Protein backbone atom coordinates (compact mmCIF):
# COMPACT_ATOMS: atom_id res chain seq x y z
CA UNK A 1 -0.29 0.11 0.17
CA UNK A 2 1.37 3.92 -1.09
CA UNK A 3 1.61 6.24 1.41
CA UNK A 4 -0.82 8.28 0.19
CA UNK A 5 -3.47 5.04 -0.08
CA UNK A 6 -2.65 5.10 4.14
CA UNK A 7 -3.27 9.12 4.59
CA UNK A 8 -6.45 8.77 2.33
CA UNK A 9 -7.65 5.35 4.58
CA UNK A 10 -6.53 7.16 7.79
CA UNK A 11 -8.31 10.41 7.11
CA UNK A 12 -11.68 8.83 5.87
CA UNK A 13 -12.04 6.99 9.18
CA UNK A 14 -10.78 10.36 10.75
CA UNK A 15 -13.70 12.17 9.56
CA UNK A 16 -16.20 9.95 11.69
CA UNK A 17 -16.63 12.48 14.79
CA UNK A 18 -15.73 10.44 17.77
CA UNK A 19 -12.20 10.13 16.57
CA UNK A 20 -12.27 14.39 16.91
CA UNK A 21 -13.78 14.48 20.48
CA UNK A 22 -11.26 10.80 21.63
CA UNK A 23 -8.44 13.55 21.68
CA UNK A 24 -9.07 15.72 24.80
CA UNK A 25 -8.99 12.93 26.86
CA UNK A 26 -6.95 11.36 25.86
CA UNK A 27 -4.43 15.07 26.27
CA UNK A 28 -6.16 14.49 29.64
CA UNK A 29 -4.58 11.04 30.19
CA UNK A 30 -1.17 12.62 28.61
CA UNK A 31 -1.04 15.08 31.14
CA UNK A 32 -1.99 12.56 34.55
CA UNK A 33 1.09 10.47 32.73
CA UNK A 34 3.43 12.95 32.94
CA UNK A 35 2.03 14.35 36.26
CA UNK A 36 3.19 11.39 37.86
CA UNK A 37 6.58 10.85 36.35
CA UNK A 38 5.31 7.61 34.22
CA UNK A 39 7.26 7.61 31.13
CA UNK A 40 5.50 3.82 30.50
CA UNK A 41 2.24 5.92 30.71
CA UNK A 42 3.52 8.99 28.33
CA UNK A 43 4.17 6.68 25.66
CA UNK A 44 1.22 4.38 25.44
CA UNK A 45 -1.27 6.99 25.81
CA UNK A 46 0.90 8.97 23.20
CA UNK A 47 0.79 6.33 20.86
CA UNK A 48 -3.29 5.64 21.34
CA UNK A 49 -3.69 9.32 21.10
CA UNK A 50 -1.70 9.37 17.35
CA UNK A 51 -3.61 5.71 16.71
CA UNK A 52 -6.89 7.02 17.40
CA UNK A 53 -7.40 8.61 14.13
CA UNK A 54 -7.77 5.11 12.71
CA UNK A 55 -9.99 3.17 15.70
CA UNK A 56 -13.40 4.35 14.02
CA UNK A 57 -15.27 3.31 10.52
CA UNK A 58 -16.02 6.14 7.95
CA UNK A 59 -18.84 8.02 8.42
CA UNK A 60 -21.78 7.11 6.25
CA UNK A 61 -22.63 10.93 6.63
CA UNK A 62 -19.81 13.98 6.52
CA UNK A 63 -20.07 17.43 7.64
CA UNK A 64 -18.77 19.26 4.64
CA UNK A 65 -16.80 22.30 6.85
CA UNK A 66 -15.14 19.16 8.64
CA UNK A 67 -14.00 16.94 5.46
CA UNK A 68 -12.63 20.62 3.87
CA UNK A 69 -10.13 21.03 7.48
CA UNK A 70 -9.00 17.42 7.36
CA UNK A 71 -8.53 17.82 3.64
CA UNK A 72 -6.50 20.99 4.16
CA UNK A 73 -4.46 18.56 7.16
CA UNK A 74 -4.45 15.85 4.40
CA UNK A 75 -2.48 18.34 2.13
CA UNK A 76 -0.20 19.45 4.66
CA UNK A 77 1.03 16.20 5.80
CA UNK A 78 1.17 15.30 2.08
CA UNK A 79 3.79 17.56 1.32
CA UNK A 80 7.20 16.85 3.44
CA UNK A 81 8.34 19.94 3.75
CA UNK A 82 5.00 21.23 5.62
CA UNK A 83 4.64 17.95 7.12
CA UNK A 84 7.90 18.21 8.88
CA UNK A 85 6.68 21.63 10.08
CA UNK A 86 3.67 20.75 10.91
CA UNK A 87 3.71 17.49 12.83
CA UNK A 88 7.30 20.09 14.77
CA UNK A 89 4.33 22.45 16.02
CA UNK A 90 2.35 19.35 17.29
CA UNK A 91 5.52 17.81 19.05
CA UNK A 92 6.39 21.28 20.94
CA UNK A 93 2.85 21.81 21.76
CA UNK A 94 3.05 17.94 23.66
CA UNK A 95 6.73 18.30 24.90
CA UNK A 96 5.97 21.82 26.45
CA UNK A 97 2.41 20.26 28.17
CA UNK A 98 5.09 16.95 29.21
CA UNK A 99 7.05 19.22 30.83
CA UNK A 100 4.47 21.58 32.62
CA UNK A 101 3.01 18.86 33.98
CA UNK A 102 5.85 16.82 34.68
CA UNK A 103 7.07 19.30 36.88
CA UNK A 104 4.09 19.52 38.39
CA UNK A 105 2.56 23.77 37.00
CA UNK A 106 -0.70 22.89 36.81
CA UNK A 107 -1.45 26.47 35.90
CA UNK A 108 1.21 26.54 33.36
CA UNK A 109 -0.11 23.13 31.96
CA UNK A 110 -3.53 24.44 31.54
CA UNK A 111 -2.61 27.27 29.74
CA UNK A 112 -0.58 25.39 27.28
CA UNK A 113 -3.68 22.71 26.50
CA UNK A 114 -6.07 25.65 26.62
CA UNK A 115 -3.76 27.78 23.99
CA UNK A 116 -3.13 23.69 22.17
CA UNK A 117 -7.23 23.83 21.52
CA UNK A 118 -7.60 27.62 21.27
CA UNK A 119 -5.42 27.52 18.59
CA UNK A 120 -6.10 25.12 16.45
CA UNK A 121 -9.72 26.44 15.99
CA UNK A 122 -7.72 30.28 15.56
CA UNK A 123 -5.13 27.80 12.34
CA UNK A 124 -8.31 26.01 10.78
CA UNK A 125 -10.02 29.29 10.43
CA UNK A 126 -6.61 31.07 9.05
CA UNK A 127 -6.31 28.32 6.39
CA UNK A 128 -9.55 26.57 5.50
CA UNK A 129 -11.61 30.56 5.82
CA UNK A 130 -15.44 29.92 7.38
CA UNK A 131 -15.28 25.61 7.33
CA UNK A 132 -12.34 26.34 10.42
CA UNK A 133 -15.51 27.11 12.67
CA UNK A 134 -15.96 22.85 11.96
CA UNK A 135 -13.86 21.50 14.88
CA UNK A 136 -15.22 24.07 17.65
CA UNK A 137 -17.67 21.21 19.20
CA UNK A 138 -15.08 19.38 19.77
CA UNK A 139 -12.87 22.11 21.36
CA UNK A 140 -15.11 22.95 23.37
CA UNK A 141 -15.59 19.80 24.68
CA UNK A 142 -12.07 19.36 24.94
CA UNK A 143 -11.97 23.35 27.03
CA UNK A 144 -15.13 22.55 29.35
CA UNK A 145 -12.86 18.90 30.17
CA UNK A 146 -9.35 20.00 30.41
CA UNK A 147 -10.67 22.79 32.43
CA UNK A 148 -13.24 21.89 34.51
CA UNK A 149 -10.93 18.98 36.20
CA UNK A 150 -8.01 21.45 36.25
CA UNK A 151 -10.36 23.63 38.23
CA UNK A 152 -11.90 21.00 40.54
CA UNK A 153 -8.05 19.93 41.17
CA UNK A 154 -6.97 23.79 42.25
CA UNK A 155 -10.42 24.03 44.07
CA UNK A 156 -9.01 20.46 45.87
CA UNK A 157 -5.52 21.81 46.27
CA UNK A 158 -6.68 25.01 47.68
CA UNK A 159 -9.00 22.54 49.97
CA UNK A 160 -6.13 20.70 51.51
CA UNK A 161 -3.92 23.96 52.31
CA UNK A 162 -6.39 25.39 53.66
CA UNK A 163 -7.29 22.51 55.83
CA UNK A 164 -3.63 22.05 56.86
CA UNK A 165 -3.02 25.56 57.91
CA UNK A 166 -6.20 25.58 59.91
CA UNK A 167 -4.98 24.72 63.78
CA UNK A 168 -6.63 22.61 65.29
CA UNK A 169 -9.28 23.33 67.84
């Protein structure tokens, strides 16, 4: 099988909305394993996150806007120079996320995760025009999930800190 055939096969499956909504879940798991400093967890989660685009069957009905966004992404990955730049940019964000959580910086990690999720929509809008709004639903899902869990953890940390500082009665 030729590279272009594999790319077409993968992107047909990536048109399934489930493959878009599972990514933020993997980002959280990736952050968790980085926080726990588990290389095994990080590597396995990264592999699962990258392969998740082909887990689901090609959809029967395709969102034309999302198809336009993914066609642009496929074009980026079809050209060696833009593929290297695209993958490098993605890896910069992954490394920054891993570094932040590895160093137990929840706030910095949340900032990077938010920048990555919002940046995806901004880049989609810049490169595909109005079609760039297509990933907004899964981005909002990711933002709510990531920030909700982050807020809960920060709340629990603050509550525990106050409980430790409070003198016994």
